[in-house]
Protein backbone atom coordinates (compact mmCIF):
# COMPACT_ATOMS: atom_id res chain seq x y z
CA MET A 1 49.95 7.66 -44.95
CA VAL A 2 46.66 9.11 -46.19
CA LEU A 3 46.43 12.89 -46.13
CA ILE A 4 42.99 14.37 -45.51
CA PRO A 5 42.33 17.67 -47.30
CA PHE A 6 40.53 20.47 -45.50
CA ASP A 7 39.35 24.01 -46.13
CA LYS A 8 39.34 26.74 -43.49
CA TYR A 9 36.41 29.19 -43.53
CA HIS A 10 35.16 31.86 -41.19
CA GLY A 11 31.77 33.46 -40.72
CA ALA A 12 32.11 36.97 -39.26
CA GLY A 13 35.26 35.77 -37.48
CA ASN A 14 33.84 32.48 -36.16
CA ASP A 15 36.22 30.02 -37.85
CA PHE A 16 35.86 26.38 -38.86
CA ILE A 17 37.76 23.53 -40.46
CA LEU A 18 35.72 21.91 -43.25
CA ILE A 19 36.34 18.27 -44.21
CA HIS A 20 34.39 16.34 -46.83
CA LYS A 21 36.84 13.76 -48.23
CA HIS A 22 38.00 10.47 -46.68
CA LEU A 23 35.37 10.73 -43.94
CA ASP A 24 35.35 6.93 -43.68
CA ARG A 25 39.00 7.05 -42.60
CA ILE A 26 38.25 9.23 -39.58
CA SER A 27 37.30 6.79 -36.83
CA ASP A 28 36.88 9.36 -34.06
CA ARG A 29 35.61 12.76 -35.19
CA SER A 30 35.53 14.18 -31.68
CA LYS A 31 39.16 13.25 -31.03
CA LEU A 32 40.19 14.93 -34.28
CA ALA A 33 38.26 18.08 -33.32
CA ILE A 34 39.98 18.27 -29.94
CA ALA A 35 43.39 17.97 -31.59
CA GLN A 36 42.94 20.20 -34.63
CA CYS A 37 40.83 22.98 -33.08
CA ASN A 38 43.64 23.62 -30.60
CA ARG A 39 45.12 27.00 -31.52
CA GLU A 40 48.56 26.17 -30.15
CA ASN A 41 49.17 22.65 -31.45
CA GLY A 42 46.58 22.22 -34.22
CA ILE A 43 45.15 24.21 -37.10
CA GLY A 44 43.07 26.25 -34.68
CA ALA A 45 39.32 26.74 -35.03
CA ASP A 46 35.99 27.05 -33.25
CA GLY A 47 34.96 23.66 -34.63
CA ILE A 48 35.26 21.09 -37.41
CA LEU A 49 32.49 20.61 -39.98
CA PHE A 50 32.27 17.12 -41.45
CA LEU A 51 30.29 17.56 -44.66
CA THR A 52 28.53 15.24 -47.08
CA ILE A 53 26.99 16.53 -50.27
CA GLU A 54 24.20 15.47 -52.65
CA SER A 55 25.07 17.47 -55.75
CA THR A 56 22.55 15.79 -58.09
CA LEU A 57 19.54 17.12 -56.20
CA SER A 58 17.97 20.47 -57.01
CA PRO A 59 18.80 22.48 -55.06
CA PRO A 60 21.90 20.61 -53.88
CA GLN A 61 21.82 19.36 -50.30
CA ILE A 62 24.58 19.09 -47.71
CA THR A 63 24.68 17.49 -44.28
CA MET A 64 26.78 19.13 -41.57
CA ASP A 65 28.16 17.34 -38.52
CA LEU A 66 29.72 19.94 -36.20
CA ARG A 67 32.26 18.87 -33.60
CA GLN A 68 33.35 21.54 -31.15
CA PRO A 69 36.82 22.11 -29.65
CA ASP A 70 35.94 20.01 -26.60
CA GLY A 71 34.80 17.15 -28.85
CA SER A 72 31.09 17.63 -28.21
CA VAL A 73 28.50 17.59 -30.99
CA GLY A 74 27.05 20.97 -31.88
CA PRO A 75 23.48 20.53 -33.16
CA MET A 76 23.63 23.81 -35.07
CA CYS A 77 25.71 26.96 -35.44
CA GLY A 78 24.60 29.88 -37.57
CA ASN A 79 28.10 30.89 -38.62
CA ALA A 80 29.13 27.30 -39.30
CA ALA A 81 26.00 26.91 -41.40
CA ARG A 82 26.90 29.94 -43.50
CA CYS A 83 30.46 28.63 -43.96
CA ALA A 84 29.16 25.25 -45.11
CA VAL A 85 26.71 26.85 -47.53
CA LYS A 86 29.36 29.21 -48.92
CA TRP A 87 31.73 26.24 -49.42
CA ALA A 88 29.06 24.22 -51.24
CA SER A 89 28.03 27.20 -53.35
CA GLU A 90 31.60 27.80 -54.48
CA LEU A 91 32.21 24.11 -55.14
CA LEU A 92 29.04 23.58 -57.18
CA ASN A 93 28.53 27.10 -58.57
CA LYS A 94 25.00 27.15 -57.15
CA GLU A 95 23.29 29.95 -55.25
CA GLU A 96 20.69 27.88 -53.38
CA ILE A 97 21.65 25.10 -50.95
CA ILE A 98 19.62 22.98 -48.52
CA LEU A 99 21.51 22.38 -45.27
CA HIS A 100 20.76 19.45 -42.96
CA THR A 101 21.97 19.47 -39.35
CA ALA A 102 21.18 17.67 -36.11
CA ALA A 103 18.85 20.59 -35.31
CA GLY A 104 16.87 20.40 -38.56
CA THR A 105 16.86 21.51 -42.18
CA PHE A 106 17.73 25.04 -43.25
CA PRO A 107 17.08 26.43 -46.76
CA SER A 108 19.95 28.76 -47.61
CA LYS A 109 21.23 30.91 -50.45
CA ILE A 110 23.87 33.39 -51.52
CA VAL A 111 22.60 36.98 -51.54
CA ASP A 112 23.97 40.51 -52.04
CA ARG A 113 27.75 40.99 -51.80
CA GLY A 114 28.25 37.26 -51.46
CA ASP A 115 26.64 37.13 -48.02
CA VAL A 116 24.91 33.92 -47.00
CA GLN A 117 21.28 33.84 -45.91
CA VAL A 118 19.94 30.97 -43.78
CA GLU A 119 16.25 30.44 -43.00
CA MET A 120 15.67 29.47 -39.36
CA GLU A 121 12.62 28.09 -37.54
CA PRO A 122 11.12 30.19 -34.72
CA SER A 123 12.99 30.25 -31.43
CA THR A 124 11.27 28.74 -28.40
CA PHE A 125 11.02 29.80 -24.77
CA GLU A 126 9.35 26.53 -23.71
CA PRO A 127 11.41 25.23 -20.74
CA LYS A 128 11.64 21.60 -21.86
CA SER A 129 12.79 22.67 -25.31
CA VAL A 130 15.39 25.19 -24.12
CA PRO A 131 16.10 23.12 -21.93
CA ILE A 132 16.03 24.78 -18.52
CA ILE A 133 14.71 23.52 -15.20
CA SER A 134 11.70 25.77 -14.74
CA ASP A 135 7.92 25.34 -14.57
CA ILE A 136 7.32 28.43 -16.69
CA PRO A 137 9.26 30.20 -19.46
CA PHE A 138 12.37 31.75 -17.92
CA ILE A 139 11.99 35.29 -19.24
CA ASP A 140 13.76 38.27 -17.69
CA GLN A 141 14.45 36.35 -14.47
CA ASP A 142 17.30 36.83 -12.02
CA MET A 143 20.31 34.51 -12.10
CA PHE A 144 23.64 35.46 -10.53
CA GLY A 145 22.44 39.05 -10.26
CA LEU A 146 21.61 39.40 -13.98
CA ASN A 147 18.25 39.44 -15.78
CA ILE A 148 18.28 36.39 -18.02
CA THR A 149 15.98 35.07 -20.72
CA ALA A 150 16.44 31.39 -21.58
CA ILE A 151 15.72 30.48 -25.18
CA ASN A 152 16.47 27.82 -27.75
CA SER A 153 17.39 29.45 -31.03
CA GLY A 154 18.25 27.35 -34.06
CA GLY A 155 18.58 24.27 -31.87
CA VAL A 156 21.08 25.93 -29.51
CA THR A 157 20.42 26.84 -25.88
CA GLN A 158 21.05 30.52 -25.15
CA ALA A 159 20.90 32.64 -22.01
CA VAL A 160 20.31 36.18 -23.29
CA ILE A 161 21.22 39.15 -21.11
CA PHE A 162 20.86 42.83 -22.01
CA VAL A 163 23.52 45.00 -20.36
CA ASP A 164 24.61 48.63 -20.33
CA ASP A 165 28.33 47.93 -20.85
CA ILE A 166 29.27 44.79 -22.72
CA THR A 167 32.97 45.36 -21.98
CA ASP A 168 32.51 45.04 -18.19
CA PRO A 169 35.05 42.34 -17.22
CA ILE A 170 32.80 40.90 -14.52
CA LEU A 171 30.48 39.62 -17.25
CA LEU A 172 32.92 36.86 -18.21
CA ASP A 173 32.91 35.51 -14.65
CA LYS A 174 29.12 35.62 -14.66
CA ALA A 175 29.05 33.90 -18.05
CA PHE A 176 31.09 30.98 -16.73
CA ASP A 177 28.72 30.58 -13.77
CA ILE A 178 25.63 30.71 -15.97
CA ARG A 179 27.06 28.34 -18.58
CA HIS A 180 27.65 25.71 -15.84
CA SER A 181 24.49 26.40 -13.82
CA ASN A 182 22.47 23.33 -12.83
CA MET A 183 19.44 25.18 -14.19
CA PHE A 184 20.66 24.24 -17.67
CA PRO A 185 20.91 20.42 -17.77
CA LYS A 186 22.80 20.48 -21.07
CA GLY A 187 24.67 23.71 -20.45
CA THR A 188 24.08 26.91 -22.39
CA ASN A 189 25.64 29.62 -24.49
CA VAL A 190 25.63 32.95 -22.69
CA THR A 191 24.90 35.91 -24.95
CA PHE A 192 25.21 39.52 -23.83
CA ALA A 193 23.65 42.36 -25.83
CA GLN A 194 24.15 46.11 -25.56
CA LYS A 195 22.07 48.71 -27.40
CA ILE A 196 24.20 50.77 -29.77
CA GLN A 197 23.43 53.18 -32.59
CA ASN A 198 21.44 51.42 -35.30
CA GLY A 199 21.46 48.04 -33.61
CA PHE A 200 23.06 45.98 -30.86
CA LYS A 201 26.53 44.85 -29.85
CA GLN A 202 26.91 41.14 -29.00
CA LYS A 203 29.33 39.06 -26.94
CA THR A 204 28.77 35.30 -26.63
CA PHE A 205 30.46 32.80 -24.32
CA GLU A 206 29.99 29.53 -26.21
CA ARG A 207 29.39 26.12 -24.71
CA GLY A 208 31.80 23.63 -26.27
CA VAL A 209 34.30 26.33 -27.13
CA GLU A 210 34.33 27.36 -23.45
CA GLY A 211 35.14 30.94 -24.18
CA VAL A 212 34.08 34.06 -26.05
CA THR A 213 33.96 33.65 -29.84
CA LEU A 214 34.29 36.39 -32.43
CA ALA A 215 30.72 35.73 -33.61
CA CYS A 216 27.69 33.58 -32.83
CA GLY A 217 24.85 33.39 -35.35
CA THR A 218 22.35 31.56 -33.14
CA GLY A 219 23.17 34.09 -30.43
CA ALA A 220 22.24 36.91 -32.81
CA CYS A 221 19.00 35.09 -33.60
CA ALA A 222 18.33 34.69 -29.88
CA ILE A 223 18.79 38.42 -29.28
CA ALA A 224 16.40 39.25 -32.12
CA SER A 225 13.88 36.68 -30.86
CA VAL A 226 13.84 38.18 -27.37
CA LEU A 227 13.35 41.65 -28.85
CA HIS A 228 10.57 40.32 -31.08
CA HIS A 229 8.87 38.56 -28.16
CA SER A 230 8.90 41.77 -26.11
CA LYS A 231 7.64 43.76 -29.12
CA GLN A 232 10.74 45.95 -29.23
CA ILE A 233 11.13 45.26 -32.94
CA LYS A 234 8.46 44.95 -35.62
CA PRO A 235 7.82 41.89 -37.82
CA ASN A 236 10.03 41.84 -40.93
CA GLN A 237 12.31 44.50 -39.44
CA SER A 238 15.96 43.71 -40.08
CA ILE A 239 18.12 44.19 -37.00
CA ARG A 240 21.87 44.76 -37.14
CA ILE A 241 23.88 42.90 -34.51
CA ASN A 242 27.56 43.78 -34.35
CA GLN A 243 29.76 40.83 -33.43
CA GLU A 244 32.76 40.60 -31.12
CA GLY A 245 35.07 40.38 -34.15
CA GLY A 246 33.70 43.63 -35.58
CA GLU A 247 31.50 42.33 -38.43
CA ASP A 248 27.72 42.61 -38.59
CA LEU A 249 25.05 39.94 -38.74
CA PHE A 250 21.47 40.77 -39.71
CA VAL A 251 18.37 39.00 -38.43
CA THR A 252 14.82 39.42 -39.73
CA ILE A 253 11.82 37.82 -37.99
CA ASN A 254 8.39 37.56 -39.59
CA LYS A 255 5.00 37.52 -37.85
CA THR A 256 5.18 33.77 -37.16
CA GLY A 257 8.61 34.05 -35.56
CA SER A 258 10.55 32.43 -38.41
CA MET A 259 13.94 34.03 -38.90
CA ILE A 260 16.40 34.87 -41.64
CA LEU A 261 20.04 35.11 -40.59
CA ARG A 262 22.31 36.95 -43.03
CA GLY A 263 26.01 37.62 -42.87
CA PRO A 264 29.45 37.07 -44.40
CA ALA A 265 31.36 33.84 -44.87
CA ALA A 266 34.74 33.49 -46.56
CA LYS A 267 37.47 30.97 -47.28
CA GLN A 268 40.78 31.53 -45.50
CA PHE A 269 43.01 28.73 -46.78
CA SER A 270 43.26 25.02 -47.60
CA GLY A 271 45.62 22.30 -46.44
CA GLU A 272 46.06 18.66 -45.52
CA ILE A 273 46.30 16.78 -42.24
CA PRO A 274 47.53 13.22 -41.66
CA GLN A 275 44.90 10.55 -41.19
CA PRO A 276 44.32 10.32 -37.42
């Protein structure tokens, strides 16, 4: 029996299984994700990252294929991206890494205190790109009694909602309804934001995970993008967004809307699983 090695990383509490060896022996990546992301019977994670690496290029380049706990393909995830970059940086002893995903290419590097910085393209409110069924950008519009802004940030659909009390239990019921609304043909993440001292508090119900995660990097970028669009933050102003797990992510948006996502990523442990 072939054993497949893996590493377990987390980005601000959002945790992932990383696999880069014996990929040709894994015939069904989605099936493996469903089994191993299960927190009762598997390793337990918010997704599996299948990684390939081109170490001879300068800077080195990696390709990330994210499979979520329900087996679906995640085009991009900010925390997963930082985990993949941190893994590659530690493996190759390089500070700069180019990351390729289904959502595009993201120049990345290790910065102060070992945090990982990922450059992101501007978010979009254009309905077909979100996607959402609407003739005009869906900005601060009512849905299930909440004011929602629909946005695609880093290749991920987000419904952003600013609330007074992020701990209100009714929000989780609303999140489930919004995530499965027919308005979003591909579903959506639902990201709540509450103004706090020196920043915002975030809670994200993630599509594919089908629950609240301890952190969501594209959700943080979506919050910052909505604030930038409404001119509540200035260009090049770094905004602190405190995650459900307690750690902070930082997002900076320039005049063109391009973003820099910065935050922690760390290895938890390594192991082996039998070939599926």
